Amino acid sequence: MNTFLLDVMDFHELPTWKEARVLALTLHRSSKSFPDRERSGDLAKRIQESCLSLLTTLVMTFDSSKAGVGRDAQRKAKESVEQLEQLVQQAKADGLLTTPESRQLDLEFQIIKKSIHV
């Protein structure tokens, strides 16, 4: 079953939205604990902006699927996930995320990517 384009009335019911929201909240909370140089720097800001972009893209994808143009929107969702994942990998490499956070984020990425067939 394609959980990405379920026939639901509200995007809040979409399993992918729920998982992405958990991911975004976890990343936003984690980026607040980055050292001052990173928190005020580019990486934390880029992660936060990318989280917002992913959530916005998922809403647009949901609306587009209702209008019958889901494939292009799904591609954009895939790109948003990949961009955010690259930023998270950079934060991991820089030692800015703890092991439990990293594991949780990896799990959320797997769920989201599976649901949009990345």
N, C-alpha and C. Protein backbone atom coordinates (compact mmCIF):
# COMPACT_ATOMS: atom_id res chain seq x y z
N MET A 1 0.84 -1.19 0.00
CA MET A 1 0.00 0.00 0.00
C MET A 1 0.88 1.25 0.00
N ASN A 2 0.57 2.20 -0.82
CA ASN A 2 1.32 3.44 -0.88
C ASN A 2 0.80 4.38 0.20
N THR A 3 1.55 4.49 1.29
CA THR A 3 1.11 5.33 2.40
C THR A 3 1.32 6.81 2.13
N PHE A 4 2.05 7.10 1.07
CA PHE A 4 2.34 8.50 0.76
C PHE A 4 1.11 9.21 0.19
N LEU A 5 0.35 8.53 -0.62
CA LEU A 5 -0.77 9.16 -1.30
C LEU A 5 -2.10 8.52 -0.91
N LEU A 6 -2.25 8.26 0.38
CA LEU A 6 -3.51 7.69 0.85
C LEU A 6 -4.67 8.63 0.57
N ASP A 7 -5.84 8.07 0.42
CA ASP A 7 -7.03 8.87 0.20
C ASP A 7 -7.54 9.36 1.55
N VAL A 8 -6.96 10.45 2.03
CA VAL A 8 -7.35 11.04 3.30
C VAL A 8 -7.86 12.45 3.05
N MET A 9 -8.61 12.95 3.97
CA MET A 9 -9.22 14.26 3.81
C MET A 9 -8.29 15.40 4.23
N ASP A 10 -7.36 15.13 5.12
CA ASP A 10 -6.52 16.17 5.69
C ASP A 10 -5.07 15.66 5.72
N PHE A 11 -4.13 16.48 5.32
CA PHE A 11 -2.74 16.03 5.27
C PHE A 11 -2.22 15.62 6.65
N HIS A 12 -2.82 16.12 7.73
CA HIS A 12 -2.40 15.73 9.07
C HIS A 12 -2.62 14.24 9.32
N GLU A 13 -3.49 13.62 8.55
CA GLU A 13 -3.76 12.18 8.68
C GLU A 13 -2.73 11.35 7.92
N LEU A 14 -1.94 11.97 7.08
CA LEU A 14 -0.98 11.28 6.25
C LEU A 14 0.18 10.74 7.10
N PRO A 15 0.43 9.44 7.08
CA PRO A 15 1.51 8.87 7.89
C PRO A 15 2.87 9.55 7.61
N THR A 16 3.14 9.86 6.38
CA THR A 16 4.40 10.52 6.03
C THR A 16 4.52 11.87 6.72
N TRP A 17 3.43 12.62 6.78
CA TRP A 17 3.43 13.92 7.46
C TRP A 17 3.77 13.72 8.94
N LYS A 18 3.15 12.74 9.56
CA LYS A 18 3.38 12.51 10.98
C LYS A 18 4.85 12.18 11.25
N GLU A 19 5.43 11.33 10.43
CA GLU A 19 6.84 10.97 10.60
C GLU A 19 7.75 12.17 10.34
N ALA A 20 7.46 12.92 9.30
CA ALA A 20 8.28 14.10 8.99
C ALA A 20 8.19 15.15 10.08
N ARG A 21 7.03 15.27 10.68
CA ARG A 21 6.86 16.22 11.78
C ARG A 21 7.71 15.82 12.98
N VAL A 22 7.73 14.53 13.29
CA VAL A 22 8.57 14.04 14.39
C VAL A 22 10.04 14.32 14.07
N LEU A 23 10.44 14.04 12.83
CA LEU A 23 11.80 14.31 12.40
C LEU A 23 12.14 15.79 12.54
N ALA A 24 11.26 16.64 12.06
CA ALA A 24 11.51 18.09 12.11
C ALA A 24 11.61 18.58 13.56
N LEU A 25 10.72 18.12 14.40
CA LEU A 25 10.76 18.54 15.81
C LEU A 25 12.04 18.06 16.50
N THR A 26 12.44 16.82 16.21
CA THR A 26 13.67 16.29 16.79
C THR A 26 14.88 17.10 16.33
N LEU A 27 14.93 17.39 15.04
CA LEU A 27 16.07 18.16 14.51
C LEU A 27 16.07 19.60 15.03
N HIS A 28 14.91 20.20 15.12
CA HIS A 28 14.85 21.57 15.63
C HIS A 28 15.35 21.61 17.08
N ARG A 29 14.88 20.67 17.87
CA ARG A 29 15.28 20.59 19.27
C ARG A 29 16.79 20.32 19.37
N SER A 30 17.29 19.41 18.55
CA SER A 30 18.71 19.08 18.57
C SER A 30 19.57 20.26 18.15
N SER A 31 19.13 20.98 17.12
CA SER A 31 19.94 22.10 16.63
C SER A 31 20.02 23.23 17.66
N LYS A 32 19.06 23.29 18.57
CA LYS A 32 19.12 24.29 19.64
C LYS A 32 20.25 23.99 20.62
N SER A 33 20.68 22.73 20.68
CA SER A 33 21.74 22.36 21.60
C SER A 33 23.13 22.41 20.94
N PHE A 34 23.19 22.81 19.69
CA PHE A 34 24.49 22.95 19.02
C PHE A 34 25.28 24.04 19.76
N PRO A 35 26.61 23.93 19.75
CA PRO A 35 27.42 24.99 20.35
C PRO A 35 27.10 26.34 19.69
N ASP A 36 27.35 27.41 20.43
CA ASP A 36 27.00 28.75 19.94
C ASP A 36 27.50 29.02 18.53
N ARG A 37 28.72 28.61 18.23
CA ARG A 37 29.27 28.89 16.90
C ARG A 37 28.46 28.21 15.81
N GLU A 38 27.91 27.02 16.11
CA GLU A 38 27.10 26.32 15.12
C GLU A 38 25.64 26.78 15.15
N ARG A 39 25.14 27.05 16.35
CA ARG A 39 23.75 27.46 16.48
C ARG A 39 23.53 28.80 15.79
N SER A 40 24.47 29.70 15.95
CA SER A 40 24.33 30.99 15.30
C SER A 40 24.87 30.95 13.88
N GLY A 41 25.51 29.85 13.55
CA GLY A 41 26.09 29.70 12.23
C GLY A 41 25.12 29.14 11.22
N ASP A 42 25.70 28.72 10.14
CA ASP A 42 24.93 28.32 8.97
C ASP A 42 24.25 26.96 9.11
N LEU A 43 24.90 25.98 9.73
CA LEU A 43 24.38 24.62 9.73
C LEU A 43 23.04 24.50 10.46
N ALA A 44 22.94 25.04 11.65
CA ALA A 44 21.68 24.96 12.40
C ALA A 44 20.56 25.64 11.62
N LYS A 45 20.85 26.80 11.07
CA LYS A 45 19.85 27.52 10.29
C LYS A 45 19.43 26.73 9.06
N ARG A 46 20.39 26.13 8.36
CA ARG A 46 20.07 25.35 7.17
C ARG A 46 19.24 24.11 7.52
N ILE A 47 19.55 23.48 8.63
CA ILE A 47 18.76 22.32 9.06
C ILE A 47 17.33 22.74 9.37
N GLN A 48 17.17 23.82 10.11
CA GLN A 48 15.83 24.29 10.46
C GLN A 48 15.04 24.69 9.22
N GLU A 49 15.68 25.37 8.29
CA GLU A 49 15.01 25.77 7.05
C GLU A 49 14.65 24.54 6.20
N SER A 50 15.54 23.56 6.19
CA SER A 50 15.28 22.35 5.42
C SER A 50 14.13 21.54 6.01
N CYS A 51 14.01 21.54 7.33
CA CYS A 51 12.87 20.88 7.98
C CYS A 51 11.56 21.53 7.55
N LEU A 52 11.55 22.84 7.57
CA LEU A 52 10.35 23.58 7.15
C LEU A 52 10.04 23.31 5.69
N SER A 53 11.08 23.27 4.87
CA SER A 53 10.90 22.99 3.44
C SER A 53 10.30 21.60 3.23
N LEU A 54 10.80 20.61 3.98
CA LEU A 54 10.27 19.25 3.84
C LEU A 54 8.79 19.20 4.21
N LEU A 55 8.44 19.81 5.32
CA LEU A 55 7.03 19.79 5.74
C LEU A 55 6.14 20.51 4.73
N THR A 56 6.61 21.64 4.24
CA THR A 56 5.84 22.39 3.24
C THR A 56 5.69 21.58 1.96
N THR A 57 6.76 20.93 1.54
CA THR A 57 6.71 20.11 0.33
C THR A 57 5.73 18.96 0.48
N LEU A 58 5.70 18.35 1.67
CA LEU A 58 4.75 17.25 1.88
C LEU A 58 3.31 17.73 1.80
N VAL A 59 3.04 18.91 2.33
CA VAL A 59 1.68 19.46 2.22
C VAL A 59 1.34 19.73 0.77
N MET A 60 2.28 20.33 0.03
CA MET A 60 2.04 20.60 -1.39
C MET A 60 1.86 19.30 -2.16
N THR A 61 2.63 18.26 -1.79
CA THR A 61 2.51 16.97 -2.44
C THR A 61 1.14 16.37 -2.21
N PHE A 62 0.67 16.48 -1.00
CA PHE A 62 -0.67 15.98 -0.67
C PHE A 62 -1.71 16.70 -1.51
N ASP A 63 -1.63 18.02 -1.56
CA ASP A 63 -2.59 18.80 -2.36
C ASP A 63 -2.48 18.46 -3.84
N SER A 64 -1.25 18.28 -4.32
CA SER A 64 -1.03 17.95 -5.73
C SER A 64 -1.58 16.58 -6.07
N SER A 65 -1.43 15.64 -5.15
CA SER A 65 -1.93 14.29 -5.43
C SER A 65 -3.45 14.30 -5.56
N LYS A 66 -4.08 15.19 -4.83
CA LYS A 66 -5.53 15.32 -4.95
C LYS A 66 -5.90 15.91 -6.31
N ALA A 67 -5.00 16.73 -6.86
CA ALA A 67 -5.26 17.36 -8.15
C ALA A 67 -4.76 16.50 -9.31
N GLY A 68 -4.12 15.37 -8.99
CA GLY A 68 -3.67 14.46 -10.04
C GLY A 68 -2.29 14.75 -10.60
N VAL A 69 -1.49 15.55 -9.91
CA VAL A 69 -0.14 15.85 -10.38
C VAL A 69 0.89 15.43 -9.33
N GLY A 70 0.67 14.29 -8.71
CA GLY A 70 1.48 13.83 -7.59
C GLY A 70 2.90 13.45 -7.91
N ARG A 71 3.19 13.01 -9.13
CA ARG A 71 4.54 12.52 -9.46
C ARG A 71 5.60 13.61 -9.33
N ASP A 72 5.35 14.79 -9.86
CA ASP A 72 6.31 15.88 -9.76
C ASP A 72 6.46 16.32 -8.30
N ALA A 73 5.37 16.38 -7.60
CA ALA A 73 5.42 16.77 -6.20
C ALA A 73 6.15 15.72 -5.38
N GLN A 74 5.98 14.47 -5.71
CA GLN A 74 6.67 13.39 -5.01
C GLN A 74 8.18 13.49 -5.24
N ARG A 75 8.57 13.86 -6.46
CA ARG A 75 10.00 14.07 -6.75
C ARG A 75 10.56 15.20 -5.89
N LYS A 76 9.80 16.26 -5.72
CA LYS A 76 10.24 17.38 -4.89
C LYS A 76 10.36 16.96 -3.42
N ALA A 77 9.44 16.12 -2.97
CA ALA A 77 9.52 15.61 -1.60
C ALA A 77 10.78 14.78 -1.42
N LYS A 78 11.08 13.96 -2.41
CA LYS A 78 12.30 13.14 -2.37
C LYS A 78 13.53 14.03 -2.28
N GLU A 79 13.58 15.09 -3.06
CA GLU A 79 14.72 16.02 -3.04
C GLU A 79 14.84 16.69 -1.68
N SER A 80 13.71 17.06 -1.08
CA SER A 80 13.72 17.70 0.24
C SER A 80 14.28 16.76 1.29
N VAL A 81 13.86 15.50 1.24
CA VAL A 81 14.35 14.51 2.20
C VAL A 81 15.86 14.32 2.04
N GLU A 82 16.31 14.20 0.80
CA GLU A 82 17.73 13.99 0.55
C GLU A 82 18.57 15.18 1.01
N GLN A 83 18.08 16.38 0.77
CA GLN A 83 18.80 17.58 1.20
C GLN A 83 18.92 17.63 2.73
N LEU A 84 17.83 17.35 3.40
CA LEU A 84 17.85 17.36 4.86
C LEU A 84 18.76 16.26 5.40
N GLU A 85 18.71 15.11 4.78
CA GLU A 85 19.56 14.00 5.23
C GLU A 85 21.04 14.35 5.09
N GLN A 86 21.41 15.05 4.02
CA GLN A 86 22.80 15.46 3.84
C GLN A 86 23.24 16.42 4.95
N LEU A 87 22.36 17.33 5.33
CA LEU A 87 22.68 18.27 6.41
C LEU A 87 22.84 17.53 7.75
N VAL A 88 22.00 16.55 7.97
CA VAL A 88 22.09 15.76 9.21
C VAL A 88 23.39 14.97 9.22
N GLN A 89 23.78 14.41 8.07
CA GLN A 89 25.05 13.69 7.99
C GLN A 89 26.22 14.62 8.31
N GLN A 90 26.14 15.86 7.86
CA GLN A 90 27.18 16.83 8.17
C GLN A 90 27.22 17.12 9.67
N ALA A 91 26.06 17.28 10.28
CA ALA A 91 26.00 17.52 11.73
C ALA A 91 26.55 16.33 12.50
N LYS A 92 26.27 15.12 12.03
CA LYS A 92 26.82 13.92 12.67
C LYS A 92 28.34 13.91 12.56
N ALA A 93 28.84 14.19 11.36
CA ALA A 93 30.29 14.19 11.12
C ALA A 93 30.99 15.23 11.99
N ASP A 94 30.30 16.33 12.27
CA ASP A 94 30.87 17.39 13.10
C ASP A 94 30.69 17.11 14.59
N GLY A 95 30.07 15.96 14.92
CA GLY A 95 29.88 15.58 16.32
C GLY A 95 28.81 16.39 17.04
N LEU A 96 27.86 16.94 16.29
CA LEU A 96 26.84 17.80 16.88
C LEU A 96 25.58 17.05 17.33
N LEU A 97 25.47 15.79 16.96
CA LEU A 97 24.31 15.00 17.35
C LEU A 97 24.76 13.81 18.18
N THR A 98 24.02 13.51 19.24
CA THR A 98 24.35 12.38 20.09
C THR A 98 23.97 11.08 19.40
N THR A 99 24.50 9.98 19.90
CA THR A 99 24.19 8.67 19.32
C THR A 99 22.70 8.35 19.38
N PRO A 100 22.03 8.56 20.52
CA PRO A 100 20.57 8.29 20.53
C PRO A 100 19.80 9.15 19.53
N GLU A 101 20.19 10.43 19.43
CA GLU A 101 19.55 11.31 18.44
C GLU A 101 19.78 10.79 17.03
N SER A 102 21.01 10.40 16.76
CA SER A 102 21.35 9.90 15.43
C SER A 102 20.54 8.67 15.07
N ARG A 103 20.41 7.77 16.01
CA ARG A 103 19.63 6.55 15.75
C ARG A 103 18.16 6.89 15.48
N GLN A 104 17.60 7.80 16.28
CA GLN A 104 16.21 8.20 16.09
C GLN A 104 16.03 8.86 14.72
N LEU A 105 16.95 9.72 14.37
CA LEU A 105 16.86 10.40 13.07
C LEU A 105 16.99 9.41 11.92
N ASP A 106 17.91 8.47 12.04
CA ASP A 106 18.07 7.45 11.00
C ASP A 106 16.78 6.67 10.81
N LEU A 107 16.14 6.31 11.91
CA LEU A 107 14.88 5.58 11.84
C LEU A 107 13.80 6.41 11.15
N GLU A 108 13.68 7.68 11.52
CA GLU A 108 12.69 8.56 10.91
C GLU A 108 12.95 8.73 9.41
N PHE A 109 14.20 8.90 9.03
CA PHE A 109 14.53 9.02 7.61
C PHE A 109 14.14 7.75 6.85
N GLN A 110 14.42 6.59 7.43
CA GLN A 110 14.06 5.34 6.77
C GLN A 110 12.56 5.25 6.54
N ILE A 111 11.78 5.59 7.55
CA ILE A 111 10.32 5.52 7.44
C ILE A 111 9.82 6.47 6.38
N ILE A 112 10.31 7.70 6.39
CA ILE A 112 9.85 8.71 5.42
C ILE A 112 10.25 8.31 4.00
N LYS A 113 11.49 7.89 3.84
CA LYS A 113 11.96 7.50 2.50
C LYS A 113 11.18 6.32 1.96
N LYS A 114 10.87 5.38 2.82
CA LYS A 114 10.09 4.22 2.38
C LYS A 114 8.69 4.66 1.95
N SER A 115 8.10 5.59 2.68
CA SER A 115 6.74 5.99 2.38
C SER A 115 6.63 6.82 1.10
N ILE A 116 7.73 7.48 0.71
CA ILE A 116 7.68 8.22 -0.56
C ILE A 116 8.52 7.52 -1.63
N HIS A 117 8.95 6.32 -1.33
CA HIS A 117 9.64 5.47 -2.30
C HIS A 117 10.94 6.09 -2.79
N VAL A 118 11.74 6.59 -1.87
CA VAL A 118 13.05 7.15 -2.23
C VAL A 118 14.03 6.02 -2.39
